[in-house]
Amino acid sequence: MTPADFTLSIPGATPLAVLPPCRRTKARVEHFILGIGGSILLMLSHGLVSSALFLCVGVLYDRHKTRLVRYHGGSVRTTPNLSTICFPSTLANMSSHGTSSFIGEFIILVGAFQRNSLAATLVALGMISGASYSLWLYNRAVSGNLKPDFLYKFSDPYGREVSIFIPFLVGGAIVH
């Protein structure tokens, strides 16, 4: 598991939003401006969400000294607070409802469907596959069989680590 594995799908819709309209009608320009606004919101959200996910992976690496997913299974039993902290970041990475990522992607798709429905459909399928990958990765890293070789290395985040997580979690949820 690398930190980039978690943040794979968020910026995928941004190039679609910044494609200029082919024919310049007032409606097409308005959809283009809508897409640009959604793209900016998505980029701000991506900065916050990916930072929180990098922190999650950093805390796991600090404990285990490995980023391989197969060694992190079952950590929900030994580090429930870390699993609880990483879950909202994973939801925001999936652009779940109520997060700034969802609002940014939704605005981009609304603007894009008006201009090019085929490209917007392909991007929406990419968003769905990215969301399923995020859930799969979180499930593999947190659930599953407990690894007895790493049992002594598990510990919940310390106070300083939790205090670093809080601004990213709050910012990723209420940027809008």
C-alpha atoms as a PDB file:
ATOM      1  CA  MET A   1       0.000   0.000   0.000  1.00  0.00           C
ATOM      2  CA  THR A   2       1.478   3.284  -0.998  1.00  0.00           C
ATOM      3  CA  PRO A   3      -0.053   6.634  -0.073  1.00  0.00           C
ATOM      4  CA  ALA A   4      -0.857   7.174  -3.731  1.00  0.00           C
ATOM      5  CA  ASP A   5      -3.050   4.054  -3.747  1.00  0.00           C
ATOM      6  CA  PHE A   6      -5.616   5.810  -1.586  1.00  0.00           C
ATOM      7  CA  THR A   7      -5.688   9.008  -3.631  1.00  0.00           C
ATOM      8  CA  LEU A   8      -5.971   7.326  -7.011  1.00  0.00           C
ATOM      9  CA  SER A   9      -9.325   8.551  -8.253  1.00  0.00           C
ATOM     10  CA  ILE A  10     -10.034  12.016  -6.887  1.00  0.00           C
ATOM     11  CA  PRO A  11      -8.478  14.235  -9.570  1.00  0.00           C
ATOM     12  CA  GLY A  12      -9.746  12.086 -12.460  1.00  0.00           C
ATOM     13  CA  ALA A  13     -12.648  14.390 -13.317  1.00  0.00           C
ATOM     14  CA  THR A  14     -10.664  17.622 -13.349  1.00  0.00           C
ATOM     15  CA  PRO A  15      -9.412  17.393 -16.981  1.00  0.00           C
ATOM     16  CA  LEU A  16     -12.987  16.905 -18.165  1.00  0.00           C
ATOM     17  CA  ALA A  17     -14.069  20.098 -16.443  1.00  0.00           C
ATOM     18  CA  VAL A  18     -11.453  22.290 -18.054  1.00  0.00           C
ATOM     19  CA  LEU A  19     -12.114  21.245 -21.654  1.00  0.00           C
ATOM     20  CA  PRO A  20     -13.316  24.382 -23.413  1.00  0.00           C
ATOM     21  CA  PRO A  21     -16.651  24.240 -25.214  1.00  0.00           C
ATOM     22  CA  CYS A  22     -16.498  23.506 -28.952  1.00  0.00           C
ATOM     23  CA  ARG A  23     -19.183  25.983 -29.933  1.00  0.00           C
ATOM     24  CA  ARG A  24     -19.407  29.101 -27.838  1.00  0.00           C
ATOM     25  CA  THR A  25     -23.009  29.536 -26.923  1.00  0.00           C
ATOM     26  CA  LYS A  26     -24.082  31.185 -23.713  1.00  0.00           C
ATOM     27  CA  ALA A  27     -25.297  27.876 -22.218  1.00  0.00           C
ATOM     28  CA  ARG A  28     -22.074  26.051 -23.087  1.00  0.00           C
ATOM     29  CA  VAL A  29     -19.935  28.793 -21.587  1.00  0.00           C
ATOM     30  CA  GLU A  30     -22.054  28.692 -18.405  1.00  0.00           C
ATOM     31  CA  HIS A  31     -21.528  24.924 -18.149  1.00  0.00           C
ATOM     32  CA  PHE A  32     -17.807  25.452 -18.726  1.00  0.00           C
ATOM     33  CA  ILE A  33     -17.683  27.996 -15.887  1.00  0.00           C
ATOM     34  CA  LEU A  34     -19.658  25.589 -13.687  1.00  0.00           C
ATOM     35  CA  GLY A  35     -17.124  22.852 -14.453  1.00  0.00           C
ATOM     36  CA  ILE A  36     -14.212  25.148 -13.610  1.00  0.00           C
ATOM     37  CA  GLY A  37     -15.796  25.996 -10.239  1.00  0.00           C
ATOM     38  CA  GLY A  38     -16.318  22.308  -9.489  1.00  0.00           C
ATOM     39  CA  SER A  39     -12.765  21.590 -10.549  1.00  0.00           C
ATOM     40  CA  ILE A  40     -11.375  24.179  -8.137  1.00  0.00           C
ATOM     41  CA  LEU A  41     -13.478  22.794  -5.292  1.00  0.00           C
ATOM     42  CA  LEU A  42     -12.375  19.253  -6.125  1.00  0.00           C
ATOM     43  CA  MET A  43      -8.708  20.272  -6.127  1.00  0.00           C
ATOM     44  CA  LEU A  44      -9.040  21.946  -2.712  1.00  0.00           C
ATOM     45  CA  SER A  45     -10.828  18.894  -1.370  1.00  0.00           C
ATOM     46  CA  HIS A  46      -8.226  16.583  -2.875  1.00  0.00           C
ATOM     47  CA  GLY A  47      -5.495  18.465  -1.038  1.00  0.00           C
ATOM     48  CA  LEU A  48      -7.215  17.948   2.312  1.00  0.00           C
ATOM     49  CA  VAL A  49      -8.401  14.375   1.758  1.00  0.00           C
ATOM     50  CA  SER A  50      -5.143  13.094   0.316  1.00  0.00           C
ATOM     51  CA  SER A  51      -3.234  14.718   3.191  1.00  0.00           C
ATOM     52  CA  ALA A  52      -5.401  12.842   5.690  1.00  0.00           C
ATOM     53  CA  LEU A  53      -4.864   9.589   3.789  1.00  0.00           C
ATOM     54  CA  PHE A  54      -1.116  10.173   3.686  1.00  0.00           C
ATOM     55  CA  LEU A  55      -1.254  10.647   7.465  1.00  0.00           C
ATOM     56  CA  CYS A  56      -3.156   7.353   7.841  1.00  0.00           C
ATOM     57  CA  VAL A  57      -0.539   5.515   5.821  1.00  0.00           C
ATOM     58  CA  GLY A  58       2.234   7.329   7.693  1.00  0.00           C
ATOM     59  CA  VAL A  59       0.857   6.246  11.068  1.00  0.00           C
ATOM     60  CA  LEU A  60       0.550   2.652   9.828  1.00  0.00           C
ATOM     61  CA  TYR A  61       4.083   2.770   8.448  1.00  0.00           C
ATOM     62  CA  ASP A  62       5.384   4.231  11.707  1.00  0.00           C
ATOM     63  CA  ARG A  63       3.987   1.221  13.564  1.00  0.00           C
ATOM     64  CA  HIS A  64       4.794  -1.579  11.086  1.00  0.00           C
ATOM     65  CA  LYS A  65       7.701  -0.281   8.995  1.00  0.00           C
ATOM     66  CA  THR A  66       5.965  -1.655   5.902  1.00  0.00           C
ATOM     67  CA  ARG A  67       3.355  -0.366   3.480  1.00  0.00           C
ATOM     68  CA  LEU A  68       2.251  -3.765   2.189  1.00  0.00           C
ATOM     69  CA  VAL A  69      -1.493  -4.221   2.612  1.00  0.00           C
ATOM     70  CA  ARG A  70      -1.259  -7.903   3.493  1.00  0.00           C
ATOM     71  CA  TYR A  71       0.485  -7.072   6.783  1.00  0.00           C
ATOM     72  CA  HIS A  72      -2.135  -4.591   7.986  1.00  0.00           C
ATOM     73  CA  GLY A  73      -5.210  -6.837   8.055  1.00  0.00           C
ATOM     74  CA  GLY A  74      -7.211  -7.027  11.268  1.00  0.00           C
ATOM     75  CA  SER A  75      -6.011  -3.707  12.628  1.00  0.00           C
ATOM     76  CA  VAL A  76      -9.580  -2.708  13.524  1.00  0.00           C
ATOM     77  CA  ARG A  77      -9.337  -5.075  16.508  1.00  0.00           C
ATOM     78  CA  THR A  78      -6.085  -3.661  17.823  1.00  0.00           C
ATOM     79  CA  THR A  79      -6.284  -0.011  16.705  1.00  0.00           C
ATOM     80  CA  PRO A  80      -9.973   0.900  16.563  1.00  0.00           C
ATOM     81  CA  ASN A  81      -9.326   4.642  16.880  1.00  0.00           C
ATOM     82  CA  LEU A  82      -7.000   4.692  13.881  1.00  0.00           C
ATOM     83  CA  SER A  83      -9.529   2.728  11.839  1.00  0.00           C
ATOM     84  CA  THR A  84     -12.246   5.182  12.858  1.00  0.00           C
ATOM     85  CA  ILE A  85     -10.073   8.165  11.929  1.00  0.00           C
ATOM     86  CA  CYS A  86      -9.165   6.747   8.511  1.00  0.00           C
ATOM     87  CA  PHE A  87     -12.740   5.826   7.561  1.00  0.00           C
ATOM     88  CA  PRO A  88     -14.051   9.397   6.957  1.00  0.00           C
ATOM     89  CA  SER A  89     -11.002  10.092   4.820  1.00  0.00           C
ATOM     90  CA  THR A  90     -11.750   7.010   2.760  1.00  0.00           C
ATOM     91  CA  LEU A  91     -15.369   8.128   2.402  1.00  0.00           C
ATOM     92  CA  ALA A  92     -14.215  11.558   1.240  1.00  0.00           C
ATOM     93  CA  ASN A  93     -11.821   9.894  -1.203  1.00  0.00           C
ATOM     94  CA  MET A  94     -14.819   8.013  -2.620  1.00  0.00           C
ATOM     95  CA  SER A  95     -16.723  11.320  -2.946  1.00  0.00           C
ATOM     96  CA  SER A  96     -19.407  10.141  -0.568  1.00  0.00           C
ATOM     97  CA  HIS A  97     -22.388  12.397   0.144  1.00  0.00           C
ATOM     98  CA  GLY A  98     -21.699  15.246   2.536  1.00  0.00           C
ATOM     99  CA  THR A  99     -18.048  15.626   1.630  1.00  0.00           C
ATOM    100  CA  SER A 100     -16.504  18.387  -0.413  1.00  0.00           C
ATOM    101  CA  SER A 101     -15.261  15.823  -2.932  1.00  0.00           C
ATOM    102  CA  PHE A 102     -18.836  14.812  -3.718  1.00  0.00           C
ATOM    103  CA  ILE A 103     -19.899  18.390  -4.326  1.00  0.00           C
ATOM    104  CA  GLY A 104     -16.916  19.080  -6.584  1.00  0.00           C
ATOM    105  CA  GLU A 105     -17.401  15.919  -8.641  1.00  0.00           C
ATOM    106  CA  PHE A 106     -21.141  16.487  -8.887  1.00  0.00           C
ATOM    107  CA  ILE A 107     -20.667  20.039 -10.181  1.00  0.00           C
ATOM    108  CA  ILE A 108     -18.102  18.815 -12.706  1.00  0.00           C
ATOM    109  CA  LEU A 109     -20.416  16.062 -13.945  1.00  0.00           C
ATOM    110  CA  VAL A 110     -23.394  18.422 -14.239  1.00  0.00           C
ATOM    111  CA  GLY A 111     -21.344  20.777 -16.377  1.00  0.00           C
ATOM    112  CA  ALA A 112     -19.782  17.954 -18.390  1.00  0.00           C
ATOM    113  CA  PHE A 113     -23.002  16.077 -19.167  1.00  0.00           C
ATOM    114  CA  GLN A 114     -24.338  19.205 -20.831  1.00  0.00           C
ATOM    115  CA  ARG A 115     -21.301  19.386 -23.115  1.00  0.00           C
ATOM    116  CA  ASN A 116     -20.230  15.797 -23.783  1.00  0.00           C
ATOM    117  CA  SER A 117     -22.322  13.036 -22.285  1.00  0.00           C
ATOM    118  CA  LEU A 118     -20.066  10.199 -23.495  1.00  0.00           C
ATOM    119  CA  ALA A 119     -16.949  11.642 -21.857  1.00  0.00           C
ATOM    120  CA  ALA A 120     -18.907  12.406 -18.687  1.00  0.00           C
ATOM    121  CA  THR A 121     -20.221   8.826 -18.600  1.00  0.00           C
ATOM    122  CA  LEU A 122     -16.694   7.442 -18.916  1.00  0.00           C
ATOM    123  CA  VAL A 123     -15.473   9.716 -16.121  1.00  0.00           C
ATOM    124  CA  ALA A 124     -18.434   8.646 -13.950  1.00  0.00           C
ATOM    125  CA  LEU A 125     -17.490   4.989 -14.506  1.00  0.00           C
ATOM    126  CA  GLY A 126     -13.931   5.855 -13.486  1.00  0.00           C
ATOM    127  CA  MET A 127     -15.263   7.494 -10.330  1.00  0.00           C
ATOM    128  CA  ILE A 128     -17.243   4.359  -9.495  1.00  0.00           C
ATOM    129  CA  SER A 129     -14.231   2.102 -10.023  1.00  0.00           C
ATOM    130  CA  GLY A 130     -12.073   4.442  -7.912  1.00  0.00           C
ATOM    131  CA  ALA A 131     -14.651   4.364  -5.124  1.00  0.00           C
ATOM    132  CA  SER A 132     -14.795   0.571  -5.180  1.00  0.00           C
ATOM    133  CA  TYR A 133     -10.991   0.437  -5.073  1.00  0.00           C
ATOM    134  CA  SER A 134     -10.938   2.758  -2.057  1.00  0.00           C
ATOM    135  CA  LEU A 135     -13.404   0.518  -0.220  1.00  0.00           C
ATOM    136  CA  TRP A 136     -11.464  -2.603  -1.172  1.00  0.00           C
ATOM    137  CA  LEU A 137      -8.189  -1.094   0.044  1.00  0.00           C
ATOM    138  CA  TYR A 138      -9.693   0.121   3.323  1.00  0.00           C
ATOM    139  CA  ASN A 139     -11.286  -3.288   3.884  1.00  0.00           C
ATOM    140  CA  ARG A 140      -7.995  -5.082   3.246  1.00  0.00           C
ATOM    141  CA  ALA A 141      -5.987  -2.707   5.437  1.00  0.00           C
ATOM    142  CA  VAL A 142      -8.400  -2.663   8.378  1.00  0.00           C
ATOM    143  CA  SER A 143     -10.499  -5.836   8.343  1.00  0.00           C
ATOM    144  CA  GLY A 144      -9.509  -9.408   7.731  1.00  0.00           C
ATOM    145  CA  ASN A 145      -7.274 -11.783   9.600  1.00  0.00           C
ATOM    146  CA  LEU A 146      -5.104 -10.411  12.365  1.00  0.00           C
ATOM    147  CA  LYS A 147      -1.396 -10.811  11.664  1.00  0.00           C
ATOM    148  CA  PRO A 148       0.236 -12.249  14.826  1.00  0.00           C
ATOM    149  CA  ASP A 149       3.747 -11.302  13.641  1.00  0.00           C
ATOM    150  CA  PHE A 150       2.852  -7.623  13.888  1.00  0.00           C
ATOM    151  CA  LEU A 151       0.626  -7.789  16.972  1.00  0.00           C
ATOM    152  CA  TYR A 152       3.187  -6.204  19.278  1.00  0.00           C
ATOM    153  CA  LYS A 153       3.604  -3.215  16.956  1.00  0.00           C
ATOM    154  CA  PHE A 154      -0.048  -2.151  16.955  1.00  0.00           C
ATOM    155  CA  SER A 155      -1.004   0.926  18.939  1.00  0.00           C
ATOM    156  CA  ASP A 156      -3.638   3.593  18.514  1.00  0.00           C
ATOM    157  CA  PRO A 157      -2.629   7.092  17.413  1.00  0.00           C
ATOM    158  CA  TYR A 158      -1.130   9.291  20.064  1.00  0.00           C
ATOM    159  CA  GLY A 159      -2.607  12.657  21.025  1.00  0.00           C
ATOM    160  CA  ARG A 160      -0.305  14.616  18.727  1.00  0.00           C
ATOM    161  CA  GLU A 161      -1.258  12.406  15.781  1.00  0.00           C
ATOM    162  CA  VAL A 162      -4.969  12.820  16.455  1.00  0.00           C
ATOM    163  CA  SER A 163      -4.540  16.588  16.727  1.00  0.00           C
ATOM    164  CA  ILE A 164      -2.917  16.588  13.283  1.00  0.00           C
ATOM    165  CA  PHE A 165      -5.777  14.538  11.792  1.00  0.00           C
ATOM    166  CA  ILE A 166      -8.587  16.807  13.034  1.00  0.00           C
ATOM    167  CA  PRO A 167      -8.077  19.809  10.693  1.00  0.00           C
ATOM    168  CA  PHE A 168      -7.921  17.566   7.637  1.00  0.00           C
ATOM    169  CA  LEU A 169     -11.030  15.624   8.624  1.00  0.00           C
ATOM    170  CA  VAL A 170     -13.021  18.780   9.343  1.00  0.00           C
ATOM    171  CA  GLY A 171     -11.731  20.547   6.235  1.00  0.00           C
ATOM    172  CA  GLY A 172     -12.460  17.601   3.968  1.00  0.00           C
ATOM    173  CA  ALA A 173     -16.028  17.493   5.163  1.00  0.00           C
ATOM    174  CA  ILE A 174     -16.936  21.176   5.204  1.00  0.00           C
ATOM    175  CA  VAL A 175     -14.923  22.931   2.510  1.00  0.00           C
ATOM    176  CA  HIS A 176     -18.166  23.683   0.683  1.00  0.00           C
END
